[in-house]
Amino acid sequence: MKTIIVCASVSHGNTRRVADVMAGVLGAEVVSPEQADPARLAEADLVGFGSGVFYGRLHRSLIDFVEALPAGRGRAFVFATSGLPEAPWASYARPVTRLLEARGFAVEATFGCRAFDTWAPFALVGGLNKQRPNPSDLAAARTFAEGLRG
């Protein structure tokens, strides 16, 4: 199964750590939105899209990339790392999931975990979630990816 993970990990490498764990399970290549080639994504059996959360949304570079994708089809998943917990009524992944579905992707699942966050007010206290993603978070990412293989 050919898998590519498009990952925007710009602050502390949190999201890249999660992407690398998933890539290990799926035998995937991890690329940034700037490196991703839409033609190669069209050839993949499964494509992951993930980033850290900024102001309640996935990173702008990932959103811009997804918005620019041509219509196609295929299996996809979305993942995020965030300093704050996700509100039940405002999924971090939902906007990107909807964009992907509008482009013909079948989004099979989403994954999220907490991560180190030094956004402005949190920097004053040394940041939130200093030890995250932790081994438990990475194990959850591994289990999530194993579920995508079948």
C-alpha atoms as a PDB file:
ATOM      1  CA  MET A   1       0.000   0.000   0.000  1.00  0.00           C
ATOM      2  CA  LYS A   2       1.491   3.330  -1.072  1.00  0.00           C
ATOM      3  CA  THR A   3       0.980   5.973   1.621  1.00  0.00           C
ATOM      4  CA  ILE A   4       2.043   9.613   1.840  1.00  0.00           C
ATOM      5  CA  ILE A   5       1.638  11.852   4.876  1.00  0.00           C
ATOM      6  CA  VAL A   6       1.499  15.617   4.333  1.00  0.00           C
ATOM      7  CA  CYS A   7       2.559  17.187   7.612  1.00  0.00           C
ATOM      8  CA  ALA A   8       2.947  20.820   8.639  1.00  0.00           C
ATOM      9  CA  SER A   9       5.035  20.756  11.821  1.00  0.00           C
ATOM     10  CA  VAL A  10       6.388  24.244  12.368  1.00  0.00           C
ATOM     11  CA  SER A  11       6.899  25.012  16.066  1.00  0.00           C
ATOM     12  CA  HIS A  12       8.400  22.213  18.151  1.00  0.00           C
ATOM     13  CA  GLY A  13       8.320  19.137  15.924  1.00  0.00           C
ATOM     14  CA  ASN A  14       5.371  17.652  17.836  1.00  0.00           C
ATOM     15  CA  THR A  15       3.280  16.853  14.797  1.00  0.00           C
ATOM     16  CA  ARG A  16       6.265  15.470  12.897  1.00  0.00           C
ATOM     17  CA  ARG A  17       6.927  13.018  15.753  1.00  0.00           C
ATOM     18  CA  VAL A  18       3.342  11.767  15.486  1.00  0.00           C
ATOM     19  CA  ALA A  19       3.584  11.626  11.668  1.00  0.00           C
ATOM     20  CA  ASP A  20       6.837   9.655  11.864  1.00  0.00           C
ATOM     21  CA  VAL A  21       5.241   7.045  14.156  1.00  0.00           C
ATOM     22  CA  MET A  22       2.303   6.680  11.773  1.00  0.00           C
ATOM     23  CA  ALA A  23       4.688   6.542   8.803  1.00  0.00           C
ATOM     24  CA  GLY A  24       6.608   3.717  10.438  1.00  0.00           C
ATOM     25  CA  VAL A  25       3.442   1.634  10.728  1.00  0.00           C
ATOM     26  CA  LEU A  26       2.169   2.492   7.255  1.00  0.00           C
ATOM     27  CA  GLY A  27       5.480   2.464   5.390  1.00  0.00           C
ATOM     28  CA  ALA A  28       4.732   6.058   4.414  1.00  0.00           C
ATOM     29  CA  GLU A  29       6.771   8.972   3.221  1.00  0.00           C
ATOM     30  CA  VAL A  30       6.306  12.186   5.247  1.00  0.00           C
ATOM     31  CA  VAL A  31       6.434  15.479   3.323  1.00  0.00           C
ATOM     32  CA  SER A  32       5.613  19.097   4.086  1.00  0.00           C
ATOM     33  CA  PRO A  33       2.844  20.864   2.166  1.00  0.00           C
ATOM     34  CA  GLU A  34       5.575  22.721   0.275  1.00  0.00           C
ATOM     35  CA  GLN A  35       7.218  19.429  -0.781  1.00  0.00           C
ATOM     36  CA  ALA A  36       4.009  17.564  -1.580  1.00  0.00           C
ATOM     37  CA  ASP A  37       3.240  16.828  -5.215  1.00  0.00           C
ATOM     38  CA  PRO A  38      -0.480  16.497  -5.999  1.00  0.00           C
ATOM     39  CA  ALA A  39       0.307  14.056  -8.832  1.00  0.00           C
ATOM     40  CA  ARG A  40       2.109  11.727  -6.395  1.00  0.00           C
ATOM     41  CA  LEU A  41      -0.802  11.973  -3.953  1.00  0.00           C
ATOM     42  CA  ALA A  42      -3.154  10.867  -6.714  1.00  0.00           C
ATOM     43  CA  GLU A  43      -1.073   7.681  -7.083  1.00  0.00           C
ATOM     44  CA  ALA A  44      -1.190   6.886  -3.353  1.00  0.00           C
ATOM     45  CA  ASP A  45      -3.579   4.382  -1.809  1.00  0.00           C
ATOM     46  CA  LEU A  46      -3.809   6.416   1.405  1.00  0.00           C
ATOM     47  CA  VAL A  47      -2.920  10.029   2.189  1.00  0.00           C
ATOM     48  CA  GLY A  48      -2.609  11.567   5.642  1.00  0.00           C
ATOM     49  CA  PHE A  49      -2.930  15.270   6.333  1.00  0.00           C
ATOM     50  CA  GLY A  50      -1.828  16.727   9.658  1.00  0.00           C
ATOM     51  CA  SER A  51      -0.526  19.741  11.507  1.00  0.00           C
ATOM     52  CA  GLY A  52      -0.396  21.487  14.800  1.00  0.00           C
ATOM     53  CA  VAL A  53      -3.320  23.650  15.787  1.00  0.00           C
ATOM     54  CA  PHE A  54      -2.984  27.426  15.512  1.00  0.00           C
ATOM     55  CA  TYR A  55      -5.813  29.649  16.733  1.00  0.00           C
ATOM     56  CA  GLY A  56      -8.184  26.682  16.692  1.00  0.00           C
ATOM     57  CA  ARG A  57      -7.332  25.565  13.140  1.00  0.00           C
ATOM     58  CA  LEU A  58      -4.820  23.413  11.354  1.00  0.00           C
ATOM     59  CA  HIS A  59      -1.823  25.271   9.940  1.00  0.00           C
ATOM     60  CA  ARG A  60      -2.528  27.641   7.064  1.00  0.00           C
ATOM     61  CA  SER A  61       0.025  25.955   4.785  1.00  0.00           C
ATOM     62  CA  LEU A  62      -1.844  22.649   5.074  1.00  0.00           C
ATOM     63  CA  ILE A  63      -5.241  24.274   4.477  1.00  0.00           C
ATOM     64  CA  ASP A  64      -3.881  26.159   1.439  1.00  0.00           C
ATOM     65  CA  PHE A  65      -2.436  22.935   0.054  1.00  0.00           C
ATOM     66  CA  VAL A  66      -5.713  21.042   0.459  1.00  0.00           C
ATOM     67  CA  GLU A  67      -7.694  23.916  -1.070  1.00  0.00           C
ATOM     68  CA  ALA A  68      -5.419  23.803  -4.132  1.00  0.00           C
ATOM     69  CA  LEU A  69      -5.725  20.036  -4.674  1.00  0.00           C
ATOM     70  CA  PRO A  70      -7.471  19.021  -7.868  1.00  0.00           C
ATOM     71  CA  ALA A  71     -10.570  16.877  -7.633  1.00  0.00           C
ATOM     72  CA  GLY A  72      -9.731  13.234  -7.320  1.00  0.00           C
ATOM     73  CA  ARG A  73     -10.498  10.272  -5.178  1.00  0.00           C
ATOM     74  CA  GLY A  74      -8.830   8.105  -2.617  1.00  0.00           C
ATOM     75  CA  ARG A  75      -8.571   7.239   1.048  1.00  0.00           C
ATOM     76  CA  ALA A  76      -7.405   9.848   3.523  1.00  0.00           C
ATOM     77  CA  PHE A  77      -7.013  10.580   7.226  1.00  0.00           C
ATOM     78  CA  VAL A  78      -6.484  13.785   9.188  1.00  0.00           C
ATOM     79  CA  PHE A  79      -4.533  14.315  12.406  1.00  0.00           C
ATOM     80  CA  ALA A  80      -3.608  17.182  14.698  1.00  0.00           C
ATOM     81  CA  THR A  81      -1.560  18.038  17.752  1.00  0.00           C
ATOM     82  CA  SER A  82      -2.728  20.786  20.051  1.00  0.00           C
ATOM     83  CA  GLY A  83      -1.894  22.498  23.300  1.00  0.00           C
ATOM     84  CA  LEU A  84      -5.495  22.817  24.365  1.00  0.00           C
ATOM     85  CA  PRO A  85      -8.178  20.137  24.325  1.00  0.00           C
ATOM     86  CA  GLU A  86     -10.539  20.041  21.399  1.00  0.00           C
ATOM     87  CA  ALA A  87     -14.038  21.374  22.025  1.00  0.00           C
ATOM     88  CA  PRO A  88     -16.692  18.736  21.241  1.00  0.00           C
ATOM     89  CA  TRP A  89     -18.563  21.151  18.966  1.00  0.00           C
ATOM     90  CA  ALA A  90     -15.456  22.432  17.125  1.00  0.00           C
ATOM     91  CA  SER A  91     -13.291  19.603  15.818  1.00  0.00           C
ATOM     92  CA  TYR A  92      -9.852  20.778  14.719  1.00  0.00           C
ATOM     93  CA  ALA A  93      -9.937  18.285  11.839  1.00  0.00           C
ATOM     94  CA  ARG A  94     -13.460  19.019  10.593  1.00  0.00           C
ATOM     95  CA  PRO A  95     -12.654  21.935   8.231  1.00  0.00           C
ATOM     96  CA  VAL A  96      -9.866  20.001   6.478  1.00  0.00           C
ATOM     97  CA  THR A  97     -11.986  16.850   6.442  1.00  0.00           C
ATOM     98  CA  ARG A  98     -14.761  18.752   4.657  1.00  0.00           C
ATOM     99  CA  LEU A  99     -12.317  20.234   2.145  1.00  0.00           C
ATOM    100  CA  LEU A 100     -10.925  16.778   1.380  1.00  0.00           C
ATOM    101  CA  GLU A 101     -14.375  15.250   1.008  1.00  0.00           C
ATOM    102  CA  ALA A 102     -15.348  18.060  -1.367  1.00  0.00           C
ATOM    103  CA  ARG A 103     -12.358  17.030  -3.495  1.00  0.00           C
ATOM    104  CA  GLY A 104     -13.437  13.398  -3.597  1.00  0.00           C
ATOM    105  CA  PHE A 105     -11.393  11.904  -0.761  1.00  0.00           C
ATOM    106  CA  ALA A 106     -12.979   9.401   1.589  1.00  0.00           C
ATOM    107  CA  VAL A 107     -11.731  10.528   4.994  1.00  0.00           C
ATOM    108  CA  GLU A 108     -11.639   7.333   7.011  1.00  0.00           C
ATOM    109  CA  ALA A 109     -10.641   8.653  10.418  1.00  0.00           C
ATOM    110  CA  THR A 110      -9.156  11.495  12.415  1.00  0.00           C
ATOM    111  CA  PHE A 111      -6.629  11.496  15.243  1.00  0.00           C
ATOM    112  CA  GLY A 112      -5.552  14.098  17.740  1.00  0.00           C
ATOM    113  CA  CYS A 113      -3.339  14.360  20.774  1.00  0.00           C
ATOM    114  CA  ARG A 114      -2.008  17.029  23.076  1.00  0.00           C
ATOM    115  CA  ALA A 115       1.418  18.539  22.474  1.00  0.00           C
ATOM    116  CA  PHE A 116       3.889  21.082  23.802  1.00  0.00           C
ATOM    117  CA  ASP A 117       2.553  24.590  23.217  1.00  0.00           C
ATOM    118  CA  THR A 118       4.316  27.916  23.732  1.00  0.00           C
ATOM    119  CA  TRP A 119       1.736  30.213  22.155  1.00  0.00           C
ATOM    120  CA  ALA A 120       2.008  33.763  23.562  1.00  0.00           C
ATOM    121  CA  PRO A 121       0.319  33.557  26.984  1.00  0.00           C
ATOM    122  CA  PHE A 122       1.590  30.036  27.624  1.00  0.00           C
ATOM    123  CA  ALA A 123       5.189  31.102  26.966  1.00  0.00           C
ATOM    124  CA  LEU A 124       5.046  33.195  30.146  1.00  0.00           C
ATOM    125  CA  VAL A 125       4.797  30.001  32.206  1.00  0.00           C
ATOM    126  CA  GLY A 126       7.173  27.926  30.082  1.00  0.00           C
ATOM    127  CA  GLY A 127       4.473  26.431  27.873  1.00  0.00           C
ATOM    128  CA  LEU A 128       1.802  23.765  28.240  1.00  0.00           C
ATOM    129  CA  ASN A 129       2.199  19.996  27.929  1.00  0.00           C
ATOM    130  CA  LYS A 130       5.992  20.070  28.109  1.00  0.00           C
ATOM    131  CA  GLN A 131       6.326  16.287  27.886  1.00  0.00           C
ATOM    132  CA  ARG A 132       3.840  15.748  25.066  1.00  0.00           C
ATOM    133  CA  PRO A 133       3.391  13.981  22.837  1.00  0.00           C
ATOM    134  CA  ASN A 134       4.448  11.354  25.354  1.00  0.00           C
ATOM    135  CA  PRO A 135       4.939   7.599  24.899  1.00  0.00           C
ATOM    136  CA  SER A 136       1.219   7.032  25.500  1.00  0.00           C
ATOM    137  CA  ASP A 137       0.290   9.569  22.799  1.00  0.00           C
ATOM    138  CA  LEU A 138       2.724   7.969  20.350  1.00  0.00           C
ATOM    139  CA  ALA A 139       1.360   4.505  21.169  1.00  0.00           C
ATOM    140  CA  ALA A 140      -2.137   5.831  20.418  1.00  0.00           C
ATOM    141  CA  ALA A 141      -0.870   7.202  17.091  1.00  0.00           C
ATOM    142  CA  ARG A 142       0.652   3.799  16.321  1.00  0.00           C
ATOM    143  CA  THR A 143      -2.640   2.030  17.120  1.00  0.00           C
ATOM    144  CA  PHE A 144      -4.537   4.554  14.991  1.00  0.00           C
ATOM    145  CA  ALA A 145      -2.228   3.898  12.022  1.00  0.00           C
ATOM    146  CA  GLU A 146      -2.540   0.128  12.459  1.00  0.00           C
ATOM    147  CA  GLY A 147      -6.300   0.551  12.130  1.00  0.00           C
ATOM    148  CA  LEU A 148      -5.799   2.295   8.784  1.00  0.00           C
ATOM    149  CA  ARG A 149      -3.804  -0.603   7.318  1.00  0.00           C
ATOM    150  CA  GLY A 150      -6.724  -3.032   7.387  1.00  0.00           C
END
